[in-house]
N, C-alpha and C. Protein backbone atom coordinates (compact mmCIF):
# COMPACT_ATOMS: atom_id res chain seq x y z
N MET A 1 4.37 -48.98 181.89
CA MET A 1 4.06 -47.75 181.22
C MET A 1 2.84 -48.03 180.35
N LYS A 2 1.78 -47.13 180.46
CA LYS A 2 0.66 -47.25 179.76
C LYS A 2 0.75 -46.76 178.40
N ASP A 3 -0.09 -47.26 177.42
CA ASP A 3 -0.07 -46.95 176.12
C ASP A 3 -1.28 -45.92 175.73
N TYR A 4 -0.97 -44.67 176.14
CA TYR A 4 -1.98 -43.62 175.83
C TYR A 4 -2.20 -43.17 174.44
N GLN A 5 -1.08 -43.40 173.67
CA GLN A 5 -1.20 -42.98 172.22
C GLN A 5 -2.19 -43.61 171.58
N SER A 6 -2.39 -45.03 171.62
CA SER A 6 -3.42 -45.77 171.01
C SER A 6 -4.83 -45.43 171.36
N LYS A 7 -4.96 -44.98 172.50
CA LYS A 7 -6.25 -44.55 172.92
C LYS A 7 -6.55 -43.12 172.35
N ALA A 8 -5.47 -42.28 172.39
CA ALA A 8 -5.79 -41.06 171.90
C ALA A 8 -5.94 -41.00 170.44
N ASN A 9 -5.53 -41.95 169.73
CA ASN A 9 -5.64 -41.99 168.33
C ASN A 9 -7.03 -42.40 167.89
N GLN A 10 -7.83 -42.77 168.69
CA GLN A 10 -9.30 -43.12 168.37
C GLN A 10 -10.15 -41.86 168.36
N PHE A 11 -9.63 -40.87 168.76
CA PHE A 11 -10.35 -39.55 168.68
C PHE A 11 -9.62 -38.51 167.79
N GLN A 12 -10.55 -37.47 167.44
CA GLN A 12 -10.09 -36.38 166.58
C GLN A 12 -9.33 -35.30 167.33
N CYS A 13 -8.20 -35.77 167.79
CA CYS A 13 -7.33 -34.77 168.47
C CYS A 13 -6.54 -33.95 167.72
N ASN A 14 -6.31 -33.97 166.44
CA ASN A 14 -5.56 -33.25 165.67
C ASN A 14 -6.02 -31.92 165.32
N ALA A 15 -7.28 -31.62 165.89
CA ALA A 15 -7.83 -30.15 165.78
C ALA A 15 -7.26 -29.26 166.90
N ILE A 16 -6.50 -29.88 167.84
CA ILE A 16 -5.98 -29.11 168.95
C ILE A 16 -4.53 -28.84 168.58
N PRO A 17 -4.01 -27.66 168.58
CA PRO A 17 -2.62 -27.39 168.17
C PRO A 17 -1.88 -27.55 169.58
N PHE A 18 -1.57 -28.71 169.98
CA PHE A 18 -0.82 -29.08 171.22
C PHE A 18 0.43 -28.25 171.37
N ALA A 19 1.22 -28.03 170.36
CA ALA A 19 2.58 -27.33 170.40
C ALA A 19 2.31 -25.90 171.02
N LYS A 20 1.19 -25.31 170.71
CA LYS A 20 0.73 -24.05 171.07
C LYS A 20 0.13 -23.69 172.17
N VAL A 21 -0.54 -24.84 172.74
CA VAL A 21 -1.54 -24.78 174.01
C VAL A 21 -0.73 -24.41 175.25
N LYS A 22 -1.39 -23.49 175.97
CA LYS A 22 -0.82 -23.05 177.13
C LYS A 22 -1.71 -23.55 178.41
N VAL A 23 -3.11 -23.67 178.11
CA VAL A 23 -3.82 -24.13 179.00
C VAL A 23 -4.94 -25.08 178.53
N LEU A 24 -5.18 -26.29 179.28
CA LEU A 24 -6.13 -27.19 178.56
C LEU A 24 -7.12 -27.52 179.61
N ARG A 25 -8.44 -27.58 179.30
CA ARG A 25 -9.43 -27.76 180.25
C ARG A 25 -10.49 -28.83 179.67
N TYR A 26 -10.84 -29.70 180.54
CA TYR A 26 -12.01 -30.70 180.13
C TYR A 26 -12.75 -30.81 181.33
N CYS A 27 -13.93 -31.37 181.04
CA CYS A 27 -14.94 -31.48 182.14
C CYS A 27 -15.39 -33.12 182.08
N SER A 28 -15.41 -33.66 183.38
CA SER A 28 -15.68 -35.12 183.49
C SER A 28 -17.05 -35.56 182.97
N ASN A 29 -18.00 -34.51 182.97
CA ASN A 29 -19.50 -34.80 182.44
C ASN A 29 -19.67 -34.67 180.92
N ASN A 30 -18.49 -34.19 180.26
CA ASN A 30 -18.57 -34.19 178.88
C ASN A 30 -17.08 -34.29 178.31
N LEU A 31 -16.62 -35.58 178.27
CA LEU A 31 -15.30 -35.83 178.04
C LEU A 31 -15.02 -35.45 176.48
N MET A 32 -15.88 -35.45 175.60
CA MET A 32 -15.57 -35.27 174.31
C MET A 32 -15.46 -33.76 173.96
N VAL A 33 -15.63 -32.89 174.87
CA VAL A 33 -15.29 -31.39 174.48
C VAL A 33 -14.12 -30.95 175.13
N VAL A 34 -13.11 -30.40 174.64
CA VAL A 34 -11.97 -29.90 175.14
C VAL A 34 -11.90 -28.42 175.01
N GLN A 35 -11.41 -27.73 175.98
CA GLN A 35 -11.35 -26.30 175.76
C GLN A 35 -9.79 -25.93 176.00
N TYR A 36 -9.32 -25.04 175.34
CA TYR A 36 -7.87 -24.68 175.50
C TYR A 36 -7.67 -23.12 175.14
N LYS A 37 -6.55 -22.62 175.55
CA LYS A 37 -6.12 -21.42 175.29
C LYS A 37 -4.61 -21.46 174.75
N THR A 38 -4.25 -20.63 173.84
CA THR A 38 -2.91 -20.61 173.31
C THR A 38 -2.23 -19.48 173.88
N SER A 39 -2.85 -18.61 174.78
CA SER A 39 -2.10 -17.56 175.49
C SER A 39 -2.64 -17.47 176.84
N PHE A 40 -1.92 -17.20 177.76
CA PHE A 40 -2.35 -16.98 179.10
C PHE A 40 -3.20 -15.71 179.16
N SER A 41 -3.16 -14.67 178.39
CA SER A 41 -3.89 -13.56 178.39
C SER A 41 -5.21 -13.60 177.60
N GLU A 42 -5.51 -14.60 176.83
CA GLU A 42 -6.74 -14.78 176.29
C GLU A 42 -7.86 -14.93 177.32
N LYS A 43 -8.97 -14.25 177.15
CA LYS A 43 -10.11 -14.17 178.02
C LYS A 43 -11.11 -15.46 177.62
N ASP A 44 -11.27 -15.73 176.23
CA ASP A 44 -12.15 -16.68 175.94
C ASP A 44 -11.36 -18.02 175.62
N TRP A 45 -12.02 -19.28 175.91
CA TRP A 45 -11.73 -20.44 175.65
C TRP A 45 -11.90 -20.87 174.18
N LEU A 46 -11.22 -21.61 173.55
CA LEU A 46 -11.39 -22.16 172.22
C LEU A 46 -11.99 -23.54 172.68
N VAL A 47 -12.91 -24.03 171.82
CA VAL A 47 -13.56 -25.23 172.08
C VAL A 47 -13.53 -26.06 171.00
N VAL A 48 -13.24 -27.46 171.27
CA VAL A 48 -12.98 -28.39 170.09
C VAL A 48 -13.83 -29.73 170.73
N LYS A 49 -14.66 -30.34 169.75
CA LYS A 49 -15.19 -31.60 170.08
C LYS A 49 -14.35 -32.70 169.48
N ILE A 50 -13.79 -33.47 170.38
CA ILE A 50 -12.76 -34.52 169.87
C ILE A 50 -13.51 -35.89 169.75
N LYS A 51 -14.72 -35.97 168.98
CA LYS A 51 -15.37 -37.20 168.78
C LYS A 51 -14.53 -38.30 168.29
N ARG A 52 -15.09 -39.52 168.37
CA ARG A 52 -14.40 -40.66 167.95
C ARG A 52 -14.12 -40.65 166.40
N GLN A 53 -13.26 -41.09 165.93
CA GLN A 53 -13.07 -41.21 164.47
C GLN A 53 -14.00 -42.23 163.96
N SER A 54 -14.55 -41.66 162.81
CA SER A 54 -15.64 -42.46 162.15
C SER A 54 -15.46 -43.76 161.85
N LYS A 55 -14.25 -44.32 161.65
CA LYS A 55 -14.05 -45.72 161.46
C LYS A 55 -14.14 -46.67 162.64
N LEU A 56 -14.09 -46.02 163.83
CA LEU A 56 -14.02 -46.69 165.10
C LEU A 56 -15.42 -46.60 165.66
N ARG A 57 -16.46 -46.01 165.24
CA ARG A 57 -17.68 -45.74 165.70
C ARG A 57 -18.35 -47.27 165.91
N SER A 58 -19.19 -47.13 166.87
CA SER A 58 -19.96 -48.56 167.10
C SER A 58 -21.33 -48.14 167.44
N SER A 59 -22.32 -48.89 167.20
CA SER A 59 -23.69 -48.74 167.13
C SER A 59 -23.99 -48.88 168.70
N LYS A 60 -23.23 -49.34 169.61
CA LYS A 60 -23.49 -49.68 170.94
C LYS A 60 -23.14 -48.51 171.74
N GLY A 61 -23.71 -48.26 173.00
CA GLY A 61 -23.60 -47.13 173.91
C GLY A 61 -24.40 -45.96 173.67
N GLY A 62 -25.40 -46.04 172.72
CA GLY A 62 -26.25 -44.98 172.61
C GLY A 62 -25.60 -43.51 172.27
N GLY A 63 -24.53 -43.57 171.68
CA GLY A 63 -23.82 -42.27 171.24
C GLY A 63 -22.87 -41.71 172.29
N ARG A 64 -22.99 -42.25 173.56
CA ARG A 64 -22.08 -41.78 174.64
C ARG A 64 -20.70 -42.47 174.58
N SER A 65 -19.59 -41.76 174.51
CA SER A 65 -18.41 -42.41 174.37
C SER A 65 -17.90 -42.84 175.72
N GLN A 66 -17.34 -44.09 175.65
CA GLN A 66 -16.77 -44.68 176.90
C GLN A 66 -15.09 -44.63 176.78
N LEU A 67 -14.45 -44.11 177.82
CA LEU A 67 -13.02 -44.15 177.91
C LEU A 67 -12.66 -45.23 178.77
N THR A 68 -11.59 -45.94 178.39
CA THR A 68 -11.13 -47.13 178.99
C THR A 68 -9.74 -46.80 179.25
N MET A 69 -9.17 -47.44 180.38
CA MET A 69 -7.72 -47.32 180.65
C MET A 69 -7.05 -47.99 179.85
N PRO A 70 -5.86 -47.52 179.09
CA PRO A 70 -5.13 -47.92 178.25
C PRO A 70 -4.23 -49.04 178.88
N ALA A 71 -3.95 -50.06 177.97
CA ALA A 71 -3.18 -51.18 178.36
C ALA A 71 -1.78 -50.86 178.61
N LYS A 72 -1.12 -51.80 179.23
CA LYS A 72 0.34 -51.51 179.62
C LYS A 72 1.03 -52.11 178.27
N PHE A 73 2.23 -51.24 177.93
CA PHE A 73 3.16 -51.62 176.87
C PHE A 73 3.58 -52.83 177.23
N THR A 74 3.62 -53.83 176.19
CA THR A 74 4.15 -55.18 176.31
C THR A 74 5.72 -55.25 176.03
N ILE A 75 6.12 -54.15 175.28
CA ILE A 75 7.44 -54.11 175.10
C ILE A 75 8.16 -53.22 176.01
N GLU A 76 9.39 -53.70 176.70
CA GLU A 76 9.94 -52.83 177.65
C GLU A 76 10.71 -51.66 176.84
N GLN A 77 10.51 -50.50 177.13
CA GLN A 77 11.07 -49.42 176.54
C GLN A 77 12.50 -48.95 177.25
N LYS A 78 13.54 -48.69 176.60
CA LYS A 78 14.80 -48.50 177.05
C LYS A 78 15.18 -47.02 176.75
N ILE A 79 15.89 -46.35 177.61
CA ILE A 79 16.42 -44.98 177.32
C ILE A 79 17.87 -45.02 176.86
N SER A 80 18.27 -44.34 175.72
CA SER A 80 19.65 -44.72 175.36
C SER A 80 20.70 -44.03 176.46
N LYS A 81 21.87 -44.47 176.28
CA LYS A 81 22.78 -44.03 177.35
C LYS A 81 22.99 -42.45 177.32
N GLU A 82 22.88 -41.83 176.00
CA GLU A 82 23.06 -40.41 175.96
C GLU A 82 21.86 -39.78 176.61
N LYS A 83 20.77 -40.34 176.46
CA LYS A 83 19.62 -39.59 177.17
C LYS A 83 19.65 -39.69 178.67
N VAL A 84 20.10 -40.86 179.14
CA VAL A 84 20.39 -41.04 180.51
C VAL A 84 21.27 -40.05 181.10
N ASN A 85 22.51 -39.89 180.36
CA ASN A 85 23.56 -38.81 180.80
C ASN A 85 22.96 -37.48 180.64
N ASP A 86 22.09 -37.15 179.77
CA ASP A 86 21.53 -35.77 179.75
C ASP A 86 20.63 -35.54 180.79
N ILE A 87 19.76 -36.55 181.19
CA ILE A 87 18.84 -36.43 182.20
C ILE A 87 19.57 -36.20 183.56
N LYS A 88 20.81 -37.03 183.80
CA LYS A 88 21.58 -36.86 184.94
C LYS A 88 22.21 -35.52 185.07
N SER A 89 22.53 -34.93 184.07
CA SER A 89 23.15 -33.64 184.02
C SER A 89 22.09 -32.66 184.29
N MET A 90 20.81 -32.79 184.15
CA MET A 90 19.85 -31.71 184.41
C MET A 90 19.07 -32.03 185.80
N LEU A 91 19.39 -33.15 186.58
CA LEU A 91 18.70 -33.27 187.73
C LEU A 91 18.86 -32.13 188.84
N ALA A 92 20.01 -31.60 188.73
CA ALA A 92 20.20 -30.43 189.82
C ALA A 92 19.32 -29.44 189.65
N PHE A 93 18.87 -29.28 188.35
CA PHE A 93 17.85 -28.02 187.95
C PHE A 93 16.44 -28.40 188.19
N MET A 94 16.03 -29.53 188.38
CA MET A 94 14.63 -30.03 188.49
C MET A 94 14.02 -29.75 189.87
N PRO A 95 12.78 -29.54 189.93
CA PRO A 95 12.08 -29.54 191.22
C PRO A 95 12.19 -30.98 191.77
N GLU A 96 11.97 -31.05 193.12
CA GLU A 96 12.29 -32.38 193.80
C GLU A 96 11.30 -33.47 193.18
N HIS A 97 10.11 -33.15 192.95
CA HIS A 97 9.26 -34.28 192.74
C HIS A 97 9.62 -34.74 191.21
N ASP A 98 10.05 -33.81 190.24
CA ASP A 98 10.51 -34.28 189.03
C ASP A 98 11.79 -35.05 189.15
N ARG A 99 12.73 -34.65 189.95
CA ARG A 99 13.99 -35.27 190.09
C ARG A 99 13.87 -36.69 190.64
N LYS A 100 12.84 -36.90 191.51
CA LYS A 100 12.61 -38.30 191.98
C LYS A 100 11.99 -39.20 190.85
N TYR A 101 11.12 -38.53 190.09
CA TYR A 101 10.58 -39.39 189.06
C TYR A 101 11.67 -39.72 188.07
N MET A 102 12.40 -38.67 187.63
CA MET A 102 13.56 -39.01 186.60
C MET A 102 14.53 -40.03 187.17
N LYS A 103 14.91 -39.94 188.44
CA LYS A 103 15.84 -41.01 188.97
C LYS A 103 15.27 -42.27 189.01
N GLU A 104 13.94 -42.41 189.14
CA GLU A 104 13.28 -43.66 188.97
C GLU A 104 13.20 -44.29 187.46
N VAL A 105 13.05 -43.28 186.57
CA VAL A 105 13.02 -43.75 185.21
C VAL A 105 14.40 -44.14 184.81
N ILE A 106 15.52 -43.43 185.17
CA ILE A 106 16.79 -43.86 184.64
C ILE A 106 17.37 -45.07 185.40
N SER A 107 16.77 -45.43 186.68
CA SER A 107 17.27 -46.48 187.48
C SER A 107 16.81 -47.93 186.71
N LYS A 108 15.74 -47.79 185.95
CA LYS A 108 15.23 -48.89 185.30
C LYS A 108 15.85 -49.30 184.01
N ASN A 109 16.90 -48.47 183.46
CA ASN A 109 17.82 -48.82 182.54
C ASN A 109 18.98 -49.45 182.82
């Protein structure tokens, strides 16, 4: 499993209200600009620049941010027995691709 949180913490993502976001859009030619909508009926996109946290800035790179693949977790994460039972009880209600993924997740416990 990859550690995406440590990479995300390098950027100012707290300006995006993820709990309210319905649609998220970003462009590969400008990764530091994220657009989002908090309603499907909104016509205009809200725009946020998620520049690097100031304490992590470096003089290298000419101002262009480089994104790197997160490292794998070194600690094996386990799911509690209660969570495994909850997931098993919901398998019948999941789309096929989600069901396959969740079966793989719980089989590793």
